[in-house]
């Protein structure tokens, strides 16, 4: 199972600037909500993707926001780690305070400021031996990694720190195939969904 398979709705970004929405269960009116917001539907390796091609951050922010508010009326199990939709009225953060990078079943985090490093440590991230980056505590599965990153990224946003999450997906063609999602009856109890920040 990949990170994309965990919540009912996963929103992320490819390295080339596409905003991606993955639905892991049927959600009433989702197709209409997403397509009316400008997302294109694509079948890819057994999963239905909704893609917003690269555009301005403000445009992606507004389009995704409209669709997400509609989806939140139907499920609260929504994770948003997209960097393409992080617009604010101030100057863009080309060099974010925190940069999370998923890959090889783990996540590495670089922190630019003392405040960013302190925030990571509050969330259980520890510095690597050479001190160049941080990593989450050992033993976390995909769900645990996703929860750790979501909590730290949301906390950073609440404190005015900029953050970017790289999923290790260069283009939409590199999105992994659909996995079999565990449900509460047959698998571990899911972690509570992270709250989506207000747009």
N, C-alpha and C. Protein backbone atom coordinates (compact mmCIF):
# COMPACT_ATOMS: atom_id res chain seq x y z
N UNK A 1 0.85 -1.18 0.00
CA UNK A 1 0.00 0.00 0.00
C UNK A 1 0.89 1.24 0.00
N UNK A 2 0.54 2.23 -0.81
CA UNK A 2 1.29 3.48 -0.83
C UNK A 2 0.59 4.54 0.01
N UNK A 3 1.25 5.65 0.22
CA UNK A 3 0.68 6.76 0.98
C UNK A 3 -0.65 7.21 0.39
N UNK A 4 -0.76 7.14 -0.93
CA UNK A 4 -1.95 7.61 -1.61
C UNK A 4 -3.18 6.78 -1.28
N UNK A 5 -2.99 5.54 -0.82
CA UNK A 5 -4.10 4.62 -0.59
C UNK A 5 -4.72 4.73 0.80
N UNK A 6 -4.17 5.55 1.69
CA UNK A 6 -4.58 5.50 3.09
C UNK A 6 -5.89 6.22 3.39
N UNK A 7 -6.03 7.52 3.09
CA UNK A 7 -7.29 8.20 3.42
C UNK A 7 -8.35 8.02 2.34
N UNK A 8 -9.59 8.40 2.64
CA UNK A 8 -10.65 8.40 1.61
C UNK A 8 -10.25 9.30 0.44
N UNK A 9 -9.68 10.47 0.77
CA UNK A 9 -9.26 11.43 -0.25
C UNK A 9 -7.83 11.84 0.04
N UNK A 10 -6.95 11.67 -0.95
CA UNK A 10 -5.56 12.10 -0.83
C UNK A 10 -5.31 13.16 -1.88
N UNK A 11 -4.75 14.30 -1.45
CA UNK A 11 -4.40 15.38 -2.37
C UNK A 11 -2.90 15.59 -2.26
N UNK A 12 -2.23 15.58 -3.39
CA UNK A 12 -0.79 15.78 -3.40
C UNK A 12 -0.36 16.44 -4.69
N UNK A 13 0.94 16.55 -4.84
CA UNK A 13 1.50 17.20 -6.02
C UNK A 13 2.63 16.34 -6.58
N UNK A 14 2.73 16.32 -7.89
CA UNK A 14 3.88 15.70 -8.53
C UNK A 14 5.00 16.73 -8.59
N UNK A 15 6.22 16.25 -8.80
CA UNK A 15 7.36 17.16 -8.85
C UNK A 15 7.23 18.16 -10.00
N UNK A 16 6.53 17.77 -11.08
CA UNK A 16 6.40 18.67 -12.23
C UNK A 16 5.22 19.65 -12.11
N UNK A 17 4.56 19.69 -10.95
CA UNK A 17 3.57 20.72 -10.70
C UNK A 17 2.12 20.36 -10.92
N UNK A 18 1.80 19.09 -11.15
CA UNK A 18 0.39 18.68 -11.24
C UNK A 18 -0.18 18.53 -9.82
N UNK A 19 -1.40 18.96 -9.63
CA UNK A 19 -2.13 18.68 -8.39
C UNK A 19 -2.92 17.41 -8.64
N UNK A 20 -2.83 16.46 -7.73
CA UNK A 20 -3.44 15.14 -7.91
C UNK A 20 -4.42 14.87 -6.77
N UNK A 21 -5.61 14.41 -7.12
CA UNK A 21 -6.57 13.95 -6.12
C UNK A 21 -6.83 12.47 -6.39
N UNK A 22 -6.69 11.66 -5.35
CA UNK A 22 -6.97 10.23 -5.42
C UNK A 22 -8.13 9.93 -4.47
N UNK A 23 -9.15 9.26 -4.98
CA UNK A 23 -10.27 8.83 -4.13
C UNK A 23 -10.12 7.34 -3.87
N UNK A 24 -10.15 6.95 -2.62
CA UNK A 24 -10.00 5.54 -2.26
C UNK A 24 -11.31 4.87 -1.89
N UNK A 25 -12.40 5.58 -2.00
CA UNK A 25 -13.72 4.98 -1.89
C UNK A 25 -14.68 5.85 -2.69
N UNK A 26 -15.83 5.29 -3.00
CA UNK A 26 -16.83 6.07 -3.74
C UNK A 26 -17.36 7.18 -2.87
N UNK A 27 -17.39 8.37 -3.42
CA UNK A 27 -17.91 9.53 -2.70
C UNK A 27 -18.93 10.22 -3.62
N UNK A 28 -20.11 10.36 -3.10
CA UNK A 28 -21.20 10.94 -3.89
C UNK A 28 -20.81 12.32 -4.42
N UNK A 29 -21.07 12.54 -5.70
CA UNK A 29 -20.84 13.81 -6.39
C UNK A 29 -19.37 14.20 -6.52
N UNK A 30 -18.45 13.33 -6.17
CA UNK A 30 -17.03 13.68 -6.24
C UNK A 30 -16.60 13.99 -7.67
N UNK A 31 -17.05 13.17 -8.61
CA UNK A 31 -16.66 13.38 -10.00
C UNK A 31 -17.10 14.76 -10.47
N UNK A 32 -18.33 15.12 -10.18
CA UNK A 32 -18.85 16.44 -10.59
C UNK A 32 -18.10 17.56 -9.89
N UNK A 33 -17.88 17.44 -8.58
CA UNK A 33 -17.19 18.48 -7.82
C UNK A 33 -15.79 18.75 -8.38
N UNK A 34 -15.07 17.68 -8.67
CA UNK A 34 -13.70 17.82 -9.14
C UNK A 34 -13.62 18.30 -10.59
N UNK A 35 -14.47 17.76 -11.45
CA UNK A 35 -14.41 18.20 -12.85
C UNK A 35 -14.91 19.63 -13.01
N UNK A 36 -15.91 20.03 -12.24
CA UNK A 36 -16.37 21.42 -12.31
C UNK A 36 -15.30 22.39 -11.81
N UNK A 37 -14.42 21.92 -10.94
CA UNK A 37 -13.32 22.75 -10.44
C UNK A 37 -12.13 22.77 -11.41
N UNK A 38 -12.22 22.02 -12.50
CA UNK A 38 -11.17 22.03 -13.51
C UNK A 38 -10.23 20.85 -13.51
N UNK A 39 -10.49 19.85 -12.66
CA UNK A 39 -9.64 18.66 -12.64
C UNK A 39 -10.01 17.76 -13.82
N UNK A 40 -9.01 17.14 -14.41
CA UNK A 40 -9.20 16.21 -15.52
C UNK A 40 -9.17 14.79 -14.97
N UNK A 41 -10.05 13.93 -15.48
CA UNK A 41 -10.13 12.55 -15.01
C UNK A 41 -9.22 11.67 -15.85
N UNK A 42 -8.48 10.80 -15.19
CA UNK A 42 -7.61 9.86 -15.92
C UNK A 42 -7.60 8.52 -15.18
N UNK A 43 -7.72 7.44 -15.94
CA UNK A 43 -7.54 6.09 -15.38
C UNK A 43 -6.06 5.76 -15.48
N UNK A 44 -5.49 5.28 -14.39
CA UNK A 44 -4.05 5.04 -14.37
C UNK A 44 -3.73 3.87 -13.44
N UNK A 45 -3.25 2.77 -14.01
CA UNK A 45 -2.84 1.60 -13.23
C UNK A 45 -3.87 1.18 -12.20
N UNK A 46 -5.13 1.08 -12.60
CA UNK A 46 -6.17 0.59 -11.71
C UNK A 46 -6.75 1.62 -10.77
N UNK A 47 -6.39 2.86 -10.93
CA UNK A 47 -6.98 3.89 -10.08
C UNK A 47 -7.45 5.05 -10.94
N UNK A 48 -8.47 5.73 -10.44
CA UNK A 48 -9.02 6.91 -11.09
C UNK A 48 -8.35 8.13 -10.45
N UNK A 49 -7.68 8.92 -11.28
CA UNK A 49 -7.00 10.12 -10.80
C UNK A 49 -7.73 11.36 -11.28
N UNK A 50 -7.65 12.39 -10.50
CA UNK A 50 -8.13 13.71 -10.89
C UNK A 50 -6.91 14.61 -10.90
N UNK A 51 -6.60 15.17 -12.06
CA UNK A 51 -5.38 15.95 -12.23
C UNK A 51 -5.71 17.40 -12.57
N UNK A 52 -5.02 18.30 -11.93
CA UNK A 52 -5.07 19.70 -12.29
C UNK A 52 -3.70 20.02 -12.86
N UNK A 53 -3.64 20.34 -14.17
CA UNK A 53 -2.33 20.61 -14.77
C UNK A 53 -1.66 21.81 -14.10
N UNK A 54 -0.34 21.92 -14.26
CA UNK A 54 0.37 23.04 -13.64
C UNK A 54 -0.27 24.38 -14.02
N UNK A 55 -0.45 25.22 -13.03
CA UNK A 55 -1.03 26.54 -13.22
C UNK A 55 -0.50 27.43 -12.10
N UNK A 56 -1.00 28.63 -11.99
CA UNK A 56 -0.52 29.49 -10.91
C UNK A 56 -0.94 28.90 -9.56
N UNK A 57 -0.17 29.18 -8.53
CA UNK A 57 -0.49 28.68 -7.19
C UNK A 57 -1.85 29.20 -6.74
N UNK A 58 -2.15 30.43 -7.05
CA UNK A 58 -3.43 31.00 -6.63
C UNK A 58 -4.59 30.28 -7.32
N UNK A 59 -4.44 30.00 -8.62
CA UNK A 59 -5.50 29.31 -9.35
C UNK A 59 -5.69 27.89 -8.80
N UNK A 60 -4.58 27.16 -8.58
CA UNK A 60 -4.67 25.81 -8.03
C UNK A 60 -5.30 25.84 -6.64
N UNK A 61 -4.94 26.82 -5.83
CA UNK A 61 -5.48 27.00 -4.48
C UNK A 61 -7.00 27.17 -4.53
N UNK A 62 -7.46 28.03 -5.42
CA UNK A 62 -8.91 28.29 -5.51
C UNK A 62 -9.67 27.09 -6.06
N UNK A 63 -9.15 26.46 -7.11
CA UNK A 63 -9.84 25.32 -7.71
C UNK A 63 -9.91 24.14 -6.74
N UNK A 64 -8.77 23.84 -6.11
CA UNK A 64 -8.75 22.72 -5.15
C UNK A 64 -9.62 23.05 -3.95
N UNK A 65 -9.60 24.30 -3.51
CA UNK A 65 -10.41 24.68 -2.35
C UNK A 65 -11.89 24.47 -2.57
N UNK A 66 -12.38 24.86 -3.74
CA UNK A 66 -13.80 24.68 -4.07
C UNK A 66 -14.16 23.19 -4.03
N UNK A 67 -13.34 22.37 -4.67
CA UNK A 67 -13.63 20.93 -4.71
C UNK A 67 -13.53 20.30 -3.32
N UNK A 68 -12.53 20.70 -2.54
CA UNK A 68 -12.32 20.08 -1.23
C UNK A 68 -13.44 20.40 -0.26
N UNK A 69 -13.96 21.63 -0.30
CA UNK A 69 -15.08 21.95 0.59
C UNK A 69 -16.28 21.07 0.27
N UNK A 70 -16.52 20.81 -1.00
CA UNK A 70 -17.60 19.91 -1.37
C UNK A 70 -17.35 18.50 -0.88
N UNK A 71 -16.12 18.01 -1.00
CA UNK A 71 -15.78 16.65 -0.56
C UNK A 71 -15.84 16.53 0.96
N UNK A 72 -15.46 17.59 1.67
CA UNK A 72 -15.50 17.54 3.14
C UNK A 72 -16.92 17.41 3.67
N UNK A 73 -17.92 17.75 2.87
CA UNK A 73 -19.30 17.56 3.29
C UNK A 73 -19.67 16.08 3.28
N UNK A 74 -18.82 15.25 2.63
CA UNK A 74 -19.11 13.82 2.48
C UNK A 74 -18.14 12.92 3.23
N UNK A 75 -16.95 13.42 3.55
CA UNK A 75 -15.98 12.66 4.35
C UNK A 75 -15.01 13.62 5.02
N UNK A 76 -14.57 13.27 6.22
CA UNK A 76 -13.53 14.05 6.89
C UNK A 76 -12.20 13.33 6.82
N UNK A 77 -12.17 12.17 6.16
CA UNK A 77 -10.93 11.41 6.01
C UNK A 77 -10.22 11.91 4.76
N UNK A 78 -9.66 13.12 4.87
CA UNK A 78 -9.03 13.81 3.75
C UNK A 78 -7.66 14.30 4.19
N UNK A 79 -6.64 13.96 3.42
CA UNK A 79 -5.28 14.41 3.68
C UNK A 79 -4.84 15.28 2.51
N UNK A 80 -4.35 16.47 2.81
CA UNK A 80 -3.89 17.39 1.76
C UNK A 80 -2.42 17.71 2.02
N UNK A 81 -1.55 17.16 1.18
CA UNK A 81 -0.12 17.46 1.26
C UNK A 81 0.38 18.10 -0.03
N UNK A 82 -0.50 18.73 -0.77
CA UNK A 82 -0.10 19.33 -2.04
C UNK A 82 0.66 20.63 -1.82
N UNK A 83 1.76 20.79 -2.50
CA UNK A 83 2.51 22.05 -2.43
C UNK A 83 2.03 23.01 -3.50
N UNK A 84 1.40 22.50 -4.53
CA UNK A 84 0.96 23.35 -5.63
C UNK A 84 -0.19 24.27 -5.26
N UNK A 85 -0.90 23.95 -4.18
CA UNK A 85 -2.07 24.75 -3.79
C UNK A 85 -1.79 25.68 -2.62
N UNK A 86 -0.55 25.78 -2.18
CA UNK A 86 -0.21 26.58 -1.00
C UNK A 86 0.01 28.04 -1.37
N UNK A 87 -1.07 28.74 -1.58
CA UNK A 87 -1.00 30.16 -1.92
C UNK A 87 -1.31 31.00 -0.69
N UNK A 88 -0.64 32.14 -0.58
CA UNK A 88 -0.97 33.12 0.45
C UNK A 88 -0.75 34.50 -0.17
N UNK A 89 -1.38 35.53 0.41
CA UNK A 89 -1.26 36.87 -0.17
C UNK A 89 0.17 37.42 -0.15
N UNK A 90 1.01 36.92 0.73
CA UNK A 90 2.39 37.41 0.83
C UNK A 90 3.26 36.87 -0.30
N UNK A 91 4.54 37.17 -0.25
CA UNK A 91 5.45 36.67 -1.29
C UNK A 91 5.57 35.15 -1.21
N UNK A 92 5.77 34.48 -2.37
CA UNK A 92 5.87 33.02 -2.37
C UNK A 92 7.11 32.53 -1.62
N UNK A 93 6.99 31.36 -1.02
CA UNK A 93 8.11 30.77 -0.28
C UNK A 93 8.87 29.83 -1.21
N UNK A 94 9.83 30.38 -1.96
CA UNK A 94 10.60 29.55 -2.89
C UNK A 94 11.56 28.63 -2.13
N UNK A 95 11.97 29.05 -0.95
CA UNK A 95 12.87 28.27 -0.12
C UNK A 95 12.17 28.05 1.22
N UNK A 96 11.33 27.00 1.34
CA UNK A 96 10.50 26.84 2.54
C UNK A 96 11.33 26.58 3.80
N UNK A 97 10.71 26.91 4.93
CA UNK A 97 11.34 26.65 6.22
C UNK A 97 11.55 25.16 6.45
N UNK A 98 10.59 24.36 5.98
CA UNK A 98 10.65 22.89 6.12
C UNK A 98 10.43 22.25 4.76
N UNK A 99 11.22 21.24 4.46
CA UNK A 99 11.01 20.48 3.23
C UNK A 99 10.98 19.00 3.58
N UNK A 100 9.81 18.38 3.42
CA UNK A 100 9.61 16.95 3.67
C UNK A 100 9.76 16.23 2.33
N UNK A 101 10.52 15.15 2.31
CA UNK A 101 10.69 14.38 1.08
C UNK A 101 10.49 12.89 1.36
N UNK A 102 9.40 12.35 0.81
CA UNK A 102 9.13 10.92 0.93
C UNK A 102 9.99 10.16 -0.07
N UNK A 103 10.40 8.95 0.32
CA UNK A 103 11.13 8.08 -0.58
C UNK A 103 11.65 6.86 0.16
N UNK A 104 11.67 5.74 -0.52
CA UNK A 104 12.21 4.50 0.04
C UNK A 104 11.58 4.12 1.38
N UNK A 105 10.28 4.32 1.52
CA UNK A 105 9.57 3.90 2.72
C UNK A 105 9.83 4.76 3.94
N UNK A 106 10.44 5.92 3.74
CA UNK A 106 10.68 6.82 4.87
C UNK A 106 10.51 8.25 4.39
N UNK A 107 10.87 9.19 5.25
CA UNK A 107 10.80 10.61 4.89
C UNK A 107 11.99 11.32 5.51
N UNK A 108 12.60 12.19 4.73
CA UNK A 108 13.69 13.03 5.23
C UNK A 108 13.18 14.46 5.25
N UNK A 109 13.58 15.22 6.27
CA UNK A 109 13.11 16.59 6.41
C UNK A 109 14.31 17.51 6.61
N UNK A 110 14.35 18.59 5.85
CA UNK A 110 15.34 19.62 6.09
C UNK A 110 14.63 20.81 6.70
N UNK A 111 15.31 21.45 7.63
CA UNK A 111 14.76 22.60 8.34
C UNK A 111 15.72 23.77 8.19
N UNK A 112 15.18 24.91 7.76
CA UNK A 112 16.02 26.07 7.46
C UNK A 112 16.25 26.97 8.68
N UNK A 113 15.34 26.92 9.64
CA UNK A 113 15.41 27.86 10.77
C UNK A 113 15.41 27.12 12.11
N UNK A 114 15.78 27.84 13.14
CA UNK A 114 15.75 27.27 14.49
C UNK A 114 14.31 26.91 14.87
N UNK A 115 13.35 27.77 14.51
CA UNK A 115 11.94 27.49 14.82
C UNK A 115 11.47 26.22 14.13
N UNK A 116 11.90 26.01 12.89
CA UNK A 116 11.52 24.81 12.15
C UNK A 116 12.12 23.56 12.79
N UNK A 117 13.38 23.65 13.21
CA UNK A 117 14.03 22.51 13.87
C UNK A 117 13.34 22.18 15.19
N UNK A 118 12.99 23.21 15.94
CA UNK A 118 12.30 23.00 17.21
C UNK A 118 10.94 22.33 17.00
N UNK A 119 10.23 22.77 15.98
CA UNK A 119 8.92 22.18 15.68
C UNK A 119 9.05 20.69 15.34
N UNK A 120 10.05 20.36 14.52
CA UNK A 120 10.26 18.95 14.17
C UNK A 120 10.53 18.12 15.42
N UNK A 121 11.36 18.62 16.30
CA UNK A 121 11.69 17.88 17.52
C UNK A 121 10.47 17.69 18.41
N UNK A 122 9.57 18.68 18.41
CA UNK A 122 8.31 18.53 19.16
C UNK A 122 7.47 17.38 18.63
N UNK A 123 7.62 17.07 17.36
CA UNK A 123 6.85 16.01 16.73
C UNK A 123 7.63 14.69 16.64
N UNK A 124 8.72 14.59 17.37
CA UNK A 124 9.45 13.33 17.45
C UNK A 124 10.44 13.09 16.34
N UNK A 125 10.70 14.07 15.48
CA UNK A 125 11.73 13.91 14.46
C UNK A 125 13.09 14.11 15.10
N UNK A 126 14.08 13.32 14.66
CA UNK A 126 15.42 13.42 15.23
C UNK A 126 16.42 13.75 14.13
N UNK A 127 17.48 14.49 14.48
CA UNK A 127 18.48 14.83 13.47
C UNK A 127 19.26 13.59 13.04
N UNK A 128 19.66 13.58 11.78
CA UNK A 128 20.52 12.50 11.29
C UNK A 128 21.92 12.68 11.88
N UNK A 129 22.75 11.66 11.74
CA UNK A 129 24.09 11.69 12.35
C UNK A 129 24.90 12.90 11.89
N UNK A 130 24.79 13.27 10.61
CA UNK A 130 25.57 14.41 10.12
C UNK A 130 24.87 15.75 10.35
N UNK A 131 23.63 15.71 10.91
CA UNK A 131 22.91 16.92 11.25
C UNK A 131 22.32 17.68 10.06
N UNK A 132 22.38 17.09 8.87
CA UNK A 132 21.91 17.80 7.68
C UNK A 132 20.39 17.73 7.50
N UNK A 133 19.77 16.76 8.14
CA UNK A 133 18.32 16.62 8.00
C UNK A 133 17.75 15.91 9.23
N UNK A 134 16.43 15.75 9.22
CA UNK A 134 15.72 15.07 10.31
C UNK A 134 14.99 13.87 9.74
N UNK A 135 14.72 12.93 10.60
CA UNK A 135 13.92 11.77 10.22
C UNK A 135 12.93 11.46 11.32
N UNK A 136 11.81 10.81 10.96
CA UNK A 136 10.83 10.44 12.00
C UNK A 136 11.38 9.30 12.86
N UNK A 137 10.71 9.07 13.95
CA UNK A 137 11.16 7.97 14.82
C UNK A 137 11.09 6.64 14.07
N UNK A 138 11.87 5.69 14.49
CA UNK A 138 11.94 4.38 13.83
C UNK A 138 10.65 3.59 14.02
N UNK A 139 10.41 2.69 13.08
CA UNK A 139 9.31 1.73 13.21
C UNK A 139 7.97 2.18 12.68
N UNK A 140 7.89 3.34 12.05
CA UNK A 140 6.61 3.80 11.53
C UNK A 140 6.31 3.15 10.18
N UNK A 141 5.07 2.70 10.00
CA UNK A 141 4.64 2.22 8.70
C UNK A 141 4.17 3.42 7.88
N UNK A 142 3.61 3.16 6.68
CA UNK A 142 3.17 4.25 5.82
C UNK A 142 2.15 5.15 6.50
N UNK A 143 1.21 4.55 7.21
CA UNK A 143 0.19 5.34 7.91
C UNK A 143 0.84 6.22 8.99
N UNK A 144 1.79 5.67 9.73
CA UNK A 144 2.48 6.44 10.75
C UNK A 144 3.31 7.57 10.17
N UNK A 145 4.01 7.30 9.05
CA UNK A 145 4.78 8.36 8.38
C UNK A 145 3.87 9.48 7.91
N UNK A 146 2.75 9.09 7.30
CA UNK A 146 1.80 10.09 6.81
C UNK A 146 1.27 10.93 7.96
N UNK A 147 0.94 10.29 9.07
CA UNK A 147 0.44 11.02 10.23
C UNK A 147 1.47 11.97 10.81
N UNK A 148 2.73 11.53 10.88
CA UNK A 148 3.80 12.37 11.42
C UNK A 148 4.02 13.60 10.56
N UNK A 149 4.05 13.42 9.25
CA UNK A 149 4.27 14.54 8.34
C UNK A 149 3.07 15.48 8.35
N UNK A 150 1.86 14.94 8.33
CA UNK A 150 0.66 15.76 8.34
C UNK A 150 0.60 16.63 9.60
N UNK A 151 0.89 16.03 10.75
CA UNK A 151 0.85 16.77 12.01
C UNK A 151 1.89 17.89 12.02
N UNK A 152 3.12 17.58 11.60
CA UNK A 152 4.18 18.59 11.62
C UNK A 152 3.92 19.69 10.60
N UNK A 153 3.44 19.31 9.41
CA UNK A 153 3.17 20.32 8.37
C UNK A 153 2.03 21.24 8.77
N UNK A 154 0.99 20.70 9.38
CA UNK A 154 -0.13 21.51 9.84
C UNK A 154 0.30 22.44 10.97
N UNK A 155 1.12 21.93 11.89
CA UNK A 155 1.63 22.74 12.99
C UNK A 155 2.50 23.88 12.45
N UNK A 156 3.33 23.58 11.45
CA UNK A 156 4.18 24.61 10.84
C UNK A 156 3.31 25.72 10.25
N UNK A 157 2.29 25.34 9.53
CA UNK A 157 1.40 26.32 8.91
C UNK A 157 0.75 27.21 9.98
N UNK A 158 0.32 26.60 11.08
CA UNK A 158 -0.32 27.35 12.17
C UNK A 158 0.62 28.37 12.80
N UNK A 159 1.94 28.12 12.71
CA UNK A 159 2.93 29.02 13.29
C UNK A 159 3.59 29.92 12.24
N UNK A 160 3.03 29.95 11.05
CA UNK A 160 3.55 30.84 10.01
C UNK A 160 4.82 30.38 9.35
N UNK A 161 5.15 29.09 9.50
CA UNK A 161 6.33 28.54 8.83
C UNK A 161 5.91 27.93 7.50
N UNK A 162 6.71 28.15 6.48
CA UNK A 162 6.39 27.57 5.17
C UNK A 162 6.92 26.14 5.11
N UNK A 163 6.20 25.30 4.38
CA UNK A 163 6.59 23.88 4.26
C UNK A 163 6.25 23.38 2.86
N UNK A 164 7.04 22.45 2.39
CA UNK A 164 6.76 21.80 1.12
C UNK A 164 6.94 20.31 1.31
N UNK A 165 5.99 19.54 0.77
CA UNK A 165 6.04 18.09 0.87
C UNK A 165 6.25 17.51 -0.52
N UNK A 166 7.36 16.81 -0.71
CA UNK A 166 7.63 16.09 -1.95
C UNK A 166 7.26 14.63 -1.76
N UNK A 167 6.43 14.11 -2.65
CA UNK A 167 5.97 12.72 -2.53
C UNK A 167 6.87 11.73 -3.27
N UNK A 168 7.88 12.23 -3.96
CA UNK A 168 8.74 11.34 -4.74
C UNK A 168 8.06 10.84 -5.99
N UNK A 169 7.14 11.63 -6.54
CA UNK A 169 6.42 11.27 -7.76
C UNK A 169 6.75 12.33 -8.81
N UNK A 170 7.68 12.05 -9.72
CA UNK A 170 8.11 13.06 -10.70
C UNK A 170 6.99 13.60 -11.59
N UNK A 171 6.18 12.71 -12.16
CA UNK A 171 5.11 13.11 -13.07
C UNK A 171 3.88 12.24 -12.79
N UNK A 172 2.70 12.60 -13.34
CA UNK A 172 1.53 11.74 -13.14
C UNK A 172 1.75 10.30 -13.63
N UNK A 173 2.58 10.10 -14.63
CA UNK A 173 2.86 8.74 -15.13
C UNK A 173 3.55 7.88 -14.09
N UNK A 174 4.17 8.50 -13.08
CA UNK A 174 4.91 7.77 -12.05
C UNK A 174 4.08 7.48 -10.80
N UNK A 175 2.79 7.84 -10.82
CA UNK A 175 1.94 7.55 -9.67
C UNK A 175 1.80 6.03 -9.54
N UNK A 176 1.98 5.50 -8.33
CA UNK A 176 1.95 4.04 -8.18
C UNK A 176 0.56 3.46 -8.43
N UNK A 177 0.51 2.18 -8.80
CA UNK A 177 -0.78 1.52 -9.02
C UNK A 177 -1.61 1.50 -7.74
N UNK A 178 -2.91 1.32 -7.90
CA UNK A 178 -3.81 1.24 -6.75
C UNK A 178 -3.45 0.02 -5.92
N UNK A 179 -3.45 0.21 -4.62
CA UNK A 179 -3.21 -0.90 -3.71
C UNK A 179 -4.52 -1.34 -3.09
N UNK A 180 -4.47 -2.43 -2.35
CA UNK A 180 -5.67 -2.89 -1.65
C UNK A 180 -5.73 -2.18 -0.32
N UNK A 181 -6.77 -1.44 -0.10
CA UNK A 181 -6.92 -0.66 1.12
C UNK A 181 -7.48 -1.51 2.24
N UNK A 182 -6.86 -1.41 3.42
CA UNK A 182 -7.37 -2.13 4.58
C UNK A 182 -8.56 -1.39 5.15
N UNK A 183 -9.55 -2.14 5.61
CA UNK A 183 -10.66 -1.46 6.30
C UNK A 183 -10.61 -1.80 7.78
N UNK A 184 -11.41 -1.12 8.53
CA UNK A 184 -11.36 -1.27 9.99
C UNK A 184 -11.69 -2.69 10.43
N UNK A 185 -12.48 -3.41 9.64
CA UNK A 185 -12.89 -4.76 10.04
C UNK A 185 -11.76 -5.76 9.85
N UNK A 186 -10.85 -5.52 8.89
CA UNK A 186 -9.83 -6.51 8.60
C UNK A 186 -8.41 -6.05 8.90
N UNK A 187 -8.24 -4.77 9.16
CA UNK A 187 -6.88 -4.28 9.36
C UNK A 187 -6.80 -3.39 10.58
N UNK A 188 -5.66 -2.72 10.69
CA UNK A 188 -5.47 -1.86 11.84
C UNK A 188 -6.45 -0.70 11.85
N UNK A 189 -6.72 -0.19 13.02
CA UNK A 189 -7.63 0.95 13.15
C UNK A 189 -6.96 2.17 12.54
N UNK A 190 -7.67 2.87 11.63
CA UNK A 190 -7.04 4.02 11.00
C UNK A 190 -6.82 5.16 12.00
N UNK A 191 -5.76 5.92 11.75
CA UNK A 191 -5.50 7.11 12.57
C UNK A 191 -6.57 8.14 12.27
N UNK A 192 -6.87 9.02 13.22
CA UNK A 192 -7.87 10.04 12.95
C UNK A 192 -7.40 10.92 11.81
N UNK A 193 -8.33 11.35 10.95
CA UNK A 193 -7.92 12.16 9.81
C UNK A 193 -7.37 13.51 10.26
N UNK A 194 -6.40 14.00 9.50
CA UNK A 194 -5.87 15.33 9.79
C UNK A 194 -6.83 16.37 9.28
N UNK A 195 -6.95 17.45 10.01
CA UNK A 195 -7.85 18.51 9.58
C UNK A 195 -7.23 19.25 8.42
N UNK A 196 -8.07 19.60 7.49
CA UNK A 196 -7.62 20.38 6.35
C UNK A 196 -7.62 21.84 6.74
N UNK A 197 -6.58 22.53 6.40
CA UNK A 197 -6.53 23.94 6.77
C UNK A 197 -7.49 24.75 5.91
N UNK A 198 -7.99 25.83 6.48
CA UNK A 198 -8.95 26.67 5.79
C UNK A 198 -8.28 27.41 4.66
N UNK A 199 -8.94 27.43 3.55
CA UNK A 199 -8.40 28.15 2.38
C UNK A 199 -8.87 29.57 2.39
